[in-house]
């Protein structure tokens, strides 16, 4: 998929665990893992806003577009 998810980068920068983020955002760790690993088909704006609020970042810090032909291998 051409949308890459960088939640793990922000978690490392904030020194926060997946469990802590899930708890503070109000979603299950399993659902956060689906999103974090790029397996989600969609994300609610409310969830994205909550992630940004907790991680003190912008949506573009969590999501980025990559051209499909740029993926090698």
PDB file of N, CA and C in Angstrom:
ATOM      1  N   UNK A   1       0.843  -1.173   0.000  1.00  0.00           N
ATOM      2  CA  UNK A   1       0.000   0.000   0.000  1.00  0.00           C
ATOM      3  C   UNK A   1       0.889   1.237   0.000  1.00  0.00           C
ATOM      4  N   UNK A   2       0.527   2.253  -0.724  1.00  0.00           N
ATOM      5  CA  UNK A   2       1.382   3.434  -0.826  1.00  0.00           C
ATOM      6  C   UNK A   2       1.348   4.352   0.401  1.00  0.00           C
ATOM      7  N   UNK A   3       0.492   4.071   1.397  1.00  0.00           N
ATOM      8  CA  UNK A   3       0.487   4.874   2.624  1.00  0.00           C
ATOM      9  C   UNK A   3       1.311   4.144   3.678  1.00  0.00           C
ATOM     10  N   UNK A   4       2.370   4.798   4.145  1.00  0.00           N
ATOM     11  CA  UNK A   4       3.227   4.227   5.186  1.00  0.00           C
ATOM     12  C   UNK A   4       2.841   4.848   6.522  1.00  0.00           C
ATOM     13  N   UNK A   5       2.861   4.035   7.561  1.00  0.00           N
ATOM     14  CA  UNK A   5       2.490   4.475   8.902  1.00  0.00           C
ATOM     15  C   UNK A   5       3.744   4.511   9.768  1.00  0.00           C
ATOM     16  N   UNK A   6       3.995   5.659  10.376  1.00  0.00           N
ATOM     17  CA  UNK A   6       5.208   5.846  11.177  1.00  0.00           C
ATOM     18  C   UNK A   6       4.914   6.018  12.667  1.00  0.00           C
ATOM     19  N   UNK A   7       3.906   5.330  13.160  1.00  0.00           N
ATOM     20  CA  UNK A   7       3.583   5.431  14.582  1.00  0.00           C
ATOM     21  C   UNK A   7       4.749   4.936  15.430  1.00  0.00           C
ATOM     22  N   UNK A   8       5.416   3.873  14.985  1.00  0.00           N
ATOM     23  CA  UNK A   8       6.537   3.342  15.763  1.00  0.00           C
ATOM     24  C   UNK A   8       7.662   4.365  15.919  1.00  0.00           C
ATOM     25  N   UNK A   9       7.871   5.203  14.909  1.00  0.00           N
ATOM     26  CA  UNK A   9       8.888   6.253  14.991  1.00  0.00           C
ATOM     27  C   UNK A   9       8.521   7.248  16.080  1.00  0.00           C
ATOM     28  N   UNK A  10       7.252   7.664  16.097  1.00  0.00           N
ATOM     29  CA  UNK A  10       6.810   8.623  17.101  1.00  0.00           C
ATOM     30  C   UNK A  10       6.815   8.005  18.495  1.00  0.00           C
ATOM     31  N   UNK A  11       6.477   6.721  18.599  1.00  0.00           N
ATOM     32  CA  UNK A  11       6.536   6.048  19.899  1.00  0.00           C
ATOM     33  C   UNK A  11       7.966   6.062  20.439  1.00  0.00           C
ATOM     34  N   UNK A  12       8.928   5.785  19.579  1.00  0.00           N
ATOM     35  CA  UNK A  12      10.325   5.785  20.003  1.00  0.00           C
ATOM     36  C   UNK A  12      10.765   7.189  20.418  1.00  0.00           C
ATOM     37  N   UNK A  13      10.377   8.197  19.651  1.00  0.00           N
ATOM     38  CA  UNK A  13      10.742   9.581  19.989  1.00  0.00           C
ATOM     39  C   UNK A  13      10.142  10.008  21.325  1.00  0.00           C
ATOM     40  N   UNK A  14       8.941   9.517  21.622  1.00  0.00           N
ATOM     41  CA  UNK A  14       8.247   9.910  22.858  1.00  0.00           C
ATOM     42  C   UNK A  14       8.533   8.935  23.999  1.00  0.00           C
ATOM     43  N   UNK A  15       9.323   7.889  23.708  1.00  0.00           N
ATOM     44  CA  UNK A  15       9.644   6.855  24.704  1.00  0.00           C
ATOM     45  C   UNK A  15       8.366   6.314  25.357  1.00  0.00           C
ATOM     46  N   UNK A  16       7.448   5.903  24.493  1.00  0.00           N
ATOM     47  CA  UNK A  16       6.138   5.429  24.934  1.00  0.00           C
ATOM     48  C   UNK A  16       5.898   4.029  24.380  1.00  0.00           C
ATOM     49  N   UNK A  17       5.240   3.186  25.146  1.00  0.00           N
ATOM     50  CA  UNK A  17       4.924   1.833  24.687  1.00  0.00           C
ATOM     51  C   UNK A  17       3.617   1.830  23.899  1.00  0.00           C
ATOM     52  N   UNK A  18       3.410   0.772  23.141  1.00  0.00           N
ATOM     53  CA  UNK A  18       2.166   0.607  22.389  1.00  0.00           C
ATOM     54  C   UNK A  18       0.992   0.537  23.360  1.00  0.00           C
ATOM     55  N   UNK A  19       1.168  -0.186  24.450  1.00  0.00           N
ATOM     56  CA  UNK A  19       0.098  -0.318  25.437  1.00  0.00           C
ATOM     57  C   UNK A  19      -0.279   1.017  26.055  1.00  0.00           C
ATOM     58  N   UNK A  20       0.725   1.829  26.384  1.00  0.00           N
ATOM     59  CA  UNK A  20       0.451   3.138  26.969  1.00  0.00           C
ATOM     60  C   UNK A  20      -0.279   4.032  25.972  1.00  0.00           C
ATOM     61  N   UNK A  21       0.183   4.036  24.712  1.00  0.00           N
ATOM     62  CA  UNK A  21      -0.468   4.854  23.693  1.00  0.00           C
ATOM     63  C   UNK A  21      -1.913   4.408  23.496  1.00  0.00           C
ATOM     64  N   UNK A  22      -2.130   3.106  23.383  1.00  0.00           N
ATOM     65  CA  UNK A  22      -3.487   2.586  23.192  1.00  0.00           C
ATOM     66  C   UNK A  22      -4.393   3.014  24.339  1.00  0.00           C
ATOM     67  N   UNK A  23      -3.894   2.914  25.560  1.00  0.00           N
ATOM     68  CA  UNK A  23      -4.679   3.297  26.729  1.00  0.00           C
ATOM     69  C   UNK A  23      -5.021   4.784  26.709  1.00  0.00           C
ATOM     70  N   UNK A  24      -4.048   5.617  26.397  1.00  0.00           N
ATOM     71  CA  UNK A  24      -4.265   7.066  26.393  1.00  0.00           C
ATOM     72  C   UNK A  24      -5.158   7.522  25.248  1.00  0.00           C
ATOM     73  N   UNK A  25      -5.109   6.798  24.111  1.00  0.00           N
ATOM     74  CA  UNK A  25      -5.940   7.149  22.948  1.00  0.00           C
ATOM     75  C   UNK A  25      -7.352   6.588  23.101  1.00  0.00           C
ATOM     76  N   UNK A  26      -7.470   5.465  23.817  1.00  0.00           N
ATOM     77  CA  UNK A  26      -8.778   4.853  24.010  1.00  0.00           C
ATOM     78  C   UNK A  26      -9.123   3.798  22.985  1.00  0.00           C
ATOM     79  N   UNK A  27      -8.094   3.125  22.450  1.00  0.00           N
ATOM     80  CA  UNK A  27      -8.324   2.000  21.542  1.00  0.00           C
ATOM     81  C   UNK A  27      -7.588   0.782  22.098  1.00  0.00           C
ATOM     82  N   UNK A  28      -7.930  -0.388  21.582  1.00  0.00           N
ATOM     83  CA  UNK A  28      -7.273  -1.599  22.085  1.00  0.00           C
ATOM     84  C   UNK A  28      -5.855  -1.689  21.522  1.00  0.00           C
ATOM     85  N   UNK A  29      -4.956  -2.326  22.265  1.00  0.00           N
ATOM     86  CA  UNK A  29      -3.604  -2.537  21.736  1.00  0.00           C
ATOM     87  C   UNK A  29      -3.623  -3.309  20.412  1.00  0.00           C
ATOM     88  N   UNK A  30      -4.564  -4.234  20.266  1.00  0.00           N
ATOM     89  CA  UNK A  30      -4.667  -5.003  19.014  1.00  0.00           C
ATOM     90  C   UNK A  30      -5.022  -4.094  17.842  1.00  0.00           C
ATOM     91  N   UNK A  31      -5.981  -3.179  18.035  1.00  0.00           N
ATOM     92  CA  UNK A  31      -6.349  -2.259  16.956  1.00  0.00           C
ATOM     93  C   UNK A  31      -5.218  -1.288  16.650  1.00  0.00           C
ATOM     94  N   UNK A  32      -4.500  -0.856  17.671  1.00  0.00           N
ATOM     95  CA  UNK A  32      -3.356   0.025  17.439  1.00  0.00           C
ATOM     96  C   UNK A  32      -2.276  -0.718  16.663  1.00  0.00           C
ATOM     97  N   UNK A  33      -2.071  -1.997  16.971  1.00  0.00           N
ATOM     98  CA  UNK A  33      -1.069  -2.801  16.250  1.00  0.00           C
ATOM     99  C   UNK A  33      -1.443  -2.933  14.775  1.00  0.00           C
ATOM    100  N   UNK A  34      -2.726  -3.120  14.490  1.00  0.00           N
ATOM    101  CA  UNK A  34      -3.183  -3.214  13.092  1.00  0.00           C
ATOM    102  C   UNK A  34      -2.849  -1.920  12.355  1.00  0.00           C
ATOM    103  N   UNK A  35      -3.114  -0.799  12.993  1.00  0.00           N
ATOM    104  CA  UNK A  35      -2.815   0.499  12.383  1.00  0.00           C
ATOM    105  C   UNK A  35      -1.306   0.697  12.260  1.00  0.00           C
ATOM    106  N   UNK A  36      -0.578   0.418  13.319  1.00  0.00           N
ATOM    107  CA  UNK A  36       0.871   0.628  13.356  1.00  0.00           C
ATOM    108  C   UNK A  36       1.601  -0.206  12.304  1.00  0.00           C
ATOM    109  N   UNK A  37       1.112  -1.408  12.066  1.00  0.00           N
ATOM    110  CA  UNK A  37       1.767  -2.315  11.116  1.00  0.00           C
ATOM    111  C   UNK A  37       1.291  -2.133   9.680  1.00  0.00           C
ATOM    112  N   UNK A  38       0.465  -1.122   9.447  1.00  0.00           N
ATOM    113  CA  UNK A  38       0.041  -0.821   8.083  1.00  0.00           C
ATOM    114  C   UNK A  38      -1.006  -1.763   7.529  1.00  0.00           C
ATOM    115  N   UNK A  39      -1.709  -2.508   8.387  1.00  0.00           N
ATOM    116  CA  UNK A  39      -2.716  -3.454   7.922  1.00  0.00           C
ATOM    117  C   UNK A  39      -4.129  -2.867   7.950  1.00  0.00           C
ATOM    118  N   UNK A  40      -4.290  -1.661   8.479  1.00  0.00           N
ATOM    119  CA  UNK A  40      -5.616  -1.039   8.561  1.00  0.00           C
ATOM    120  C   UNK A  40      -6.063  -0.574   7.183  1.00  0.00           C
ATOM    121  N   UNK A  41      -7.338  -0.711   6.913  1.00  0.00           N
ATOM    122  CA  UNK A  41      -7.915  -0.244   5.652  1.00  0.00           C
ATOM    123  C   UNK A  41      -8.343   1.211   5.755  1.00  0.00           C
ATOM    124  N   UNK A  42      -8.565   1.687   6.989  1.00  0.00           N
ATOM    125  CA  UNK A  42      -9.030   3.058   7.206  1.00  0.00           C
ATOM    126  C   UNK A  42      -8.678   3.462   8.631  1.00  0.00           C
ATOM    127  N   UNK A  43      -8.708   4.760   8.867  1.00  0.00           N
ATOM    128  CA  UNK A  43      -8.536   5.283  10.224  1.00  0.00           C
ATOM    129  C   UNK A  43      -9.528   6.428  10.405  1.00  0.00           C
ATOM    130  N   UNK A  44     -10.224   6.430  11.511  1.00  0.00           N
ATOM    131  CA  UNK A  44     -11.179   7.504  11.802  1.00  0.00           C
ATOM    132  C   UNK A  44     -10.400   8.779  12.112  1.00  0.00           C
ATOM    133  N   UNK A  45     -10.948   9.899  11.680  1.00  0.00           N
ATOM    134  CA  UNK A  45     -10.305  11.182  11.996  1.00  0.00           C
ATOM    135  C   UNK A  45     -10.222  11.385  13.504  1.00  0.00           C
ATOM    136  N   UNK A  46     -11.222  10.917  14.240  1.00  0.00           N
ATOM    137  CA  UNK A  46     -11.195  11.062  15.699  1.00  0.00           C
ATOM    138  C   UNK A  46     -10.010  10.294  16.295  1.00  0.00           C
ATOM    139  N   UNK A  47      -9.735   9.111  15.753  1.00  0.00           N
ATOM    140  CA  UNK A  47      -8.592   8.318  16.224  1.00  0.00           C
ATOM    141  C   UNK A  47      -7.292   8.997  15.840  1.00  0.00           C
ATOM    142  N   UNK A  48      -7.208   9.484  14.622  1.00  0.00           N
ATOM    143  CA  UNK A  48      -6.008  10.188  14.173  1.00  0.00           C
ATOM    144  C   UNK A  48      -5.769  11.432  15.025  1.00  0.00           C
ATOM    145  N   UNK A  49      -6.827  12.169  15.318  1.00  0.00           N
ATOM    146  CA  UNK A  49      -6.706  13.364  16.156  1.00  0.00           C
ATOM    147  C   UNK A  49      -6.231  12.997  17.559  1.00  0.00           C
ATOM    148  N   UNK A  50      -6.766  11.916  18.109  1.00  0.00           N
ATOM    149  CA  UNK A  50      -6.355  11.479  19.446  1.00  0.00           C
ATOM    150  C   UNK A  50      -4.892  11.047  19.451  1.00  0.00           C
ATOM    151  N   UNK A  51      -4.467  10.346  18.411  1.00  0.00           N
ATOM    152  CA  UNK A  51      -3.053   9.948  18.297  1.00  0.00           C
ATOM    153  C   UNK A  51      -2.159  11.185  18.259  1.00  0.00           C
ATOM    154  N   UNK A  52      -2.548  12.158  17.457  1.00  0.00           N
ATOM    155  CA  UNK A  52      -1.757  13.388  17.343  1.00  0.00           C
ATOM    156  C   UNK A  52      -1.716  14.151  18.664  1.00  0.00           C
ATOM    157  N   UNK A  53      -2.838  14.176  19.363  1.00  0.00           N
ATOM    158  CA  UNK A  53      -2.883  14.881  20.649  1.00  0.00           C
ATOM    159  C   UNK A  53      -1.950  14.212  21.659  1.00  0.00           C
ATOM    160  N   UNK A  54      -2.039  12.905  21.782  1.00  0.00           N
ATOM    161  CA  UNK A  54      -1.229  12.173  22.759  1.00  0.00           C
ATOM    162  C   UNK A  54       0.250  12.232  22.397  1.00  0.00           C
ATOM    163  N   UNK A  55       0.556  12.083  21.102  1.00  0.00           N
ATOM    164  CA  UNK A  55       1.963  12.066  20.666  1.00  0.00           C
ATOM    165  C   UNK A  55       2.511  13.469  20.394  1.00  0.00           C
ATOM    166  N   UNK A  56       1.633  14.474  20.509  1.00  0.00           N
ATOM    167  CA  UNK A  56       2.017  15.863  20.260  1.00  0.00           C
ATOM    168  C   UNK A  56       2.713  16.009  18.901  1.00  0.00           C
ATOM    169  N   UNK A  57       1.956  15.623  17.865  1.00  0.00           N
ATOM    170  CA  UNK A  57       2.502  15.660  16.513  1.00  0.00           C
ATOM    171  C   UNK A  57       1.406  16.031  15.522  1.00  0.00           C
ATOM    172  N   UNK A  58       1.769  16.106  14.261  1.00  0.00           N
ATOM    173  CA  UNK A  58       0.835  16.375  13.173  1.00  0.00           C
ATOM    174  C   UNK A  58       0.516  15.065  12.448  1.00  0.00           C
ATOM    175  N   UNK A  59      -0.634  14.985  11.755  1.00  0.00           N
ATOM    176  CA  UNK A  59      -0.960  13.769  11.009  1.00  0.00           C
ATOM    177  C   UNK A  59       0.158  13.335  10.051  1.00  0.00           C
ATOM    178  N   UNK A  60       0.834  14.305   9.447  1.00  0.00           N
ATOM    179  CA  UNK A  60       1.930  13.988   8.525  1.00  0.00           C
ATOM    180  C   UNK A  60       3.133  13.353   9.201  1.00  0.00           C
ATOM    181  N   UNK A  61       3.209  13.457  10.528  1.00  0.00           N
ATOM    182  CA  UNK A  61       4.273  12.773  11.261  1.00  0.00           C
ATOM    183  C   UNK A  61       3.969  11.288  11.403  1.00  0.00           C
ATOM    184  N   UNK A  62       2.700  10.919  11.253  1.00  0.00           N
ATOM    185  CA  UNK A  62       2.269   9.531  11.424  1.00  0.00           C
ATOM    186  C   UNK A  62       2.011   8.808  10.110  1.00  0.00           C
ATOM    187  N   UNK A  63       1.593   9.558   9.088  1.00  0.00           N
ATOM    188  CA  UNK A  63       1.233   8.965   7.799  1.00  0.00           C
ATOM    189  C   UNK A  63       2.001   9.646   6.680  1.00  0.00           C
ATOM    190  N   UNK A  64       2.463   8.856   5.721  1.00  0.00           N
ATOM    191  CA  UNK A  64       3.120   9.445   4.549  1.00  0.00           C
ATOM    192  C   UNK A  64       2.819   8.576   3.339  1.00  0.00           C
ATOM    193  N   UNK A  65       2.838   9.224   2.193  1.00  0.00           N
ATOM    194  CA  UNK A  65       2.569   8.536   0.931  1.00  0.00           C
ATOM    195  C   UNK A  65       3.889   8.146   0.281  1.00  0.00           C
ATOM    196  N   UNK A  66       3.953   6.922  -0.222  1.00  0.00           N
ATOM    197  CA  UNK A  66       5.097   6.439  -0.997  1.00  0.00           C
ATOM    198  C   UNK A  66       4.581   5.928  -2.332  1.00  0.00           C
ATOM    199  N   UNK A  67       5.238   6.324  -3.398  1.00  0.00           N
ATOM    200  CA  UNK A  67       4.860   5.815  -4.714  1.00  0.00           C
ATOM    201  C   UNK A  67       5.049   4.304  -4.730  1.00  0.00           C
ATOM    202  N   UNK A  68       4.087   3.590  -5.295  1.00  0.00           N
ATOM    203  CA  UNK A  68       4.160   2.129  -5.290  1.00  0.00           C
ATOM    204  C   UNK A  68       5.360   1.602  -6.040  1.00  0.00           C
ATOM    205  N   UNK A  69       5.769   2.271  -7.122  1.00  0.00           N
ATOM    206  CA  UNK A  69       6.916   1.780  -7.873  1.00  0.00           C
ATOM    207  C   UNK A  69       8.228   2.090  -7.148  1.00  0.00           C
ATOM    208  N   UNK A  70       8.174   2.879  -6.071  1.00  0.00           N
ATOM    209  CA  UNK A  70       9.385   3.173  -5.289  1.00  0.00           C
ATOM    210  C   UNK A  70       9.702   2.011  -4.343  1.00  0.00           C
ATOM    211  N   UNK A  71       8.709   1.133  -4.110  1.00  0.00           N
ATOM    212  CA  UNK A  71       8.920  -0.019  -3.230  1.00  0.00           C
ATOM    213  C   UNK A  71       9.649  -1.087  -4.026  1.00  0.00           C
ATOM    214  N   UNK A  72      10.834  -1.471  -3.544  1.00  0.00           N
ATOM    215  CA  UNK A  72      11.651  -2.468  -4.237  1.00  0.00           C
ATOM    216  C   UNK A  72      11.650  -3.759  -3.452  1.00  0.00           C
ATOM    217  N   UNK A  73      11.492  -4.855  -4.156  1.00  0.00           N
ATOM    218  CA  UNK A  73      11.729  -6.112  -3.547  1.00  0.00           C
ATOM    219  C   UNK A  73      10.695  -6.956  -3.117  1.00  0.00           C
TER     220      UNK A  73
END
